[in-house]
Amino acid sequence: MTDSLGEAFCSGLADSPPATDGGREMKEFKVFVADKPGELARVTEALASAAVNIRAITSESKHESTYLRVVTSDVQTTEKALSNSGLKYELSDILNLELIDRPGELAKVARRLARAGINVHSIYILGSKNGRTEIALVVDNIERAKVAIK
């Protein structure tokens, strides 16, 4: 059985640079917010006023905490915009991959990460174009993950 996973990746290999968007490093910001109306507006307006482009966004709400996970490629400006707005956040590195856009490609990545004991904290589809899908992963050990998917 031939594993075509190697041909599916354009980035994210063990010797690759950090995840980038047009040459700019991407990061995930876990922004802590209250579970009430207006918090999404507060975060997105803070970023918009600083001209930060959001590549991906999702939200999570639990009894003890609510937060937005925001992926941007302007790390310094995002940090400044969030801090100036009084928003607390955690920053995570991203493993960026480009997969062939067909059934099973993400499953291959997930299985390799699982075999290597890598936990995936969050995943984003950043876009699809020309038969390729760009994804971003936040994992517990980015260097081991790069080796596992190589």
Foldseek 3Di string as FASTA:
>chain_A
DDDCLVVFWPFLALPGDFDADVPFHKKKKWWWDDPDPPGVVLLVVLCVVLVWDWLDKDWDDDPVTITMITMTRPVVSSVVSCVVSVIDIDIFTKRKTKGQPDPPNVVVLVVLCVVLVKDWPDKDFRDDDDRITMMITGIPDSNSSNHSSD
